Amino acid sequence: MLKGLAFTLAKVRDTHYVDELRNVPKRFLGINVDLFATNVDRNRDNGMTDYNTIRKAFGLERRKTFEEIFSDEETRLIVEKSFNNVDNIDTYIGVLG
């Protein structure tokens, strides 16, 4: 099992959640849930810092533009409109970029 985990290539990462995770029906959890929004809220509730601060803590260079984080133009425009500045990006969203 560990050998399989160590040598299996990951699928391409993207920022798109399938609809079943964005709109978990009430019958499963008793309430309607958007797991993407829940993860963002959870990070904020627990005091998770912004994406660039986390990068710095791990010894990585700070990102200066949205283009450095998001290669998909549609996603980049949405995030840029939502956060206005790369230093405001939530860690969860930045990591998905």
Protein backbone atom coordinates (compact mmCIF):
# COMPACT_ATOMS: atom_id res chain seq x y z
CA MET A 1 0.00 0.00 0.00
CA LEU A 2 2.75 2.47 0.92
CA LYS A 3 4.62 1.65 -2.27
CA GLY A 4 1.50 2.52 -4.26
CA LEU A 5 1.13 5.82 -2.43
CA ALA A 6 4.78 6.67 -2.93
CA PHE A 7 4.91 5.96 -6.65
CA THR A 8 1.45 6.84 -7.93
CA LEU A 9 1.40 10.11 -9.82
CA ALA A 10 -1.13 12.70 -8.71
CA LYS A 11 -3.79 13.91 -11.10
CA VAL A 12 -3.64 17.45 -12.38
CA ARG A 13 -4.59 19.88 -9.63
CA ASP A 14 -7.25 22.45 -10.35
CA THR A 15 -9.43 24.87 -8.45
CA HIS A 16 -12.73 23.43 -9.62
CA TYR A 17 -14.80 21.36 -7.22
CA VAL A 18 -17.33 18.94 -8.63
CA ASP A 19 -20.90 20.01 -8.00
CA GLU A 20 -21.43 17.16 -5.53
CA LEU A 21 -18.87 18.77 -3.19
CA ARG A 22 -20.04 22.34 -3.73
CA ASN A 23 -23.66 21.46 -3.00
CA VAL A 24 -23.84 18.54 -0.58
CA PRO A 25 -27.54 17.70 -0.29
CA LYS A 26 -29.33 18.17 3.03
CA ARG A 27 -30.15 14.45 3.20
CA PHE A 28 -26.48 13.58 3.87
CA LEU A 29 -25.57 16.00 6.67
CA GLY A 30 -28.90 17.43 7.76
CA ILE A 31 -28.05 20.81 6.21
CA ASN A 32 -26.92 22.01 2.77
CA VAL A 33 -23.14 22.37 2.73
CA ASP A 34 -20.60 23.88 0.34
CA LEU A 35 -17.35 22.12 1.28
CA PHE A 36 -15.16 24.68 -0.51
CA ALA A 37 -16.69 27.55 1.48
CA THR A 38 -16.53 25.44 4.64
CA ASN A 39 -12.77 24.93 4.20
CA VAL A 40 -12.18 28.66 3.68
CA ASP A 41 -14.28 29.49 6.75
CA ARG A 42 -12.51 26.84 8.82
CA ASN A 43 -9.13 28.39 8.02
CA ARG A 44 -10.37 31.85 8.97
CA ASP A 45 -12.05 30.62 12.17
CA ASN A 46 -8.80 28.95 13.25
CA GLY A 47 -6.70 32.04 12.61
CA MET A 48 -4.88 30.73 9.53
CA THR A 49 -2.80 33.51 8.08
CA ASP A 50 -2.70 34.62 4.44
CA TYR A 51 -1.04 32.69 1.60
CA ASN A 52 2.10 34.84 1.30
CA THR A 53 2.79 34.69 5.04
CA ILE A 54 2.60 30.89 4.94
CA ARG A 55 4.96 30.81 1.94
CA LYS A 56 7.46 32.97 3.84
CA ALA A 57 7.21 30.71 6.90
CA PHE A 58 8.21 27.75 4.71
CA GLY A 59 11.15 29.65 3.23
CA LEU A 60 9.46 30.25 -0.12
CA GLU A 61 9.41 33.51 -2.03
CA ARG A 62 6.41 35.78 -1.67
CA ARG A 63 4.12 35.93 -4.71
CA LYS A 64 3.75 39.46 -6.08
CA THR A 65 1.06 39.01 -8.73
CA PHE A 66 -2.06 36.94 -9.21
CA GLU A 67 -0.53 35.57 -12.41
CA GLU A 68 2.26 33.93 -10.39
CA ILE A 69 -0.34 31.94 -8.44
CA PHE A 70 -3.14 31.21 -10.92
CA SER A 71 -2.42 30.04 -14.46
CA ASP A 72 -6.11 29.77 -15.37
CA GLU A 73 -7.26 33.24 -16.45
CA GLU A 74 -10.90 32.79 -15.44
CA THR A 75 -9.94 31.68 -11.93
CA ARG A 76 -7.33 34.43 -11.64
CA LEU A 77 -9.86 37.13 -12.54
CA ILE A 78 -12.36 35.84 -9.98
CA VAL A 79 -9.75 35.66 -7.21
CA GLU A 80 -8.30 39.05 -8.15
CA LYS A 81 -11.76 40.64 -8.02
CA SER A 82 -12.50 38.96 -4.68
CA PHE A 83 -9.23 39.73 -2.87
CA ASN A 84 -7.86 42.86 -4.66
CA ASN A 85 -4.31 42.20 -3.43
CA VAL A 86 -2.18 39.04 -3.40
CA ASP A 87 -1.45 39.60 0.29
CA ASN A 88 -5.15 39.12 1.06
CA ILE A 89 -5.51 35.65 -0.50
CA ASP A 90 -6.62 32.94 1.91
CA THR A 91 -4.10 30.14 2.28
CA TYR A 92 -6.57 27.47 1.15
CA ILE A 93 -7.30 29.32 -2.09
CA GLY A 94 -3.65 30.16 -2.75
CA VAL A 95 -2.55 26.55 -2.32
CA LEU A 96 -5.08 25.46 -4.93
CA GLY A 97 -3.68 27.99 -7.44
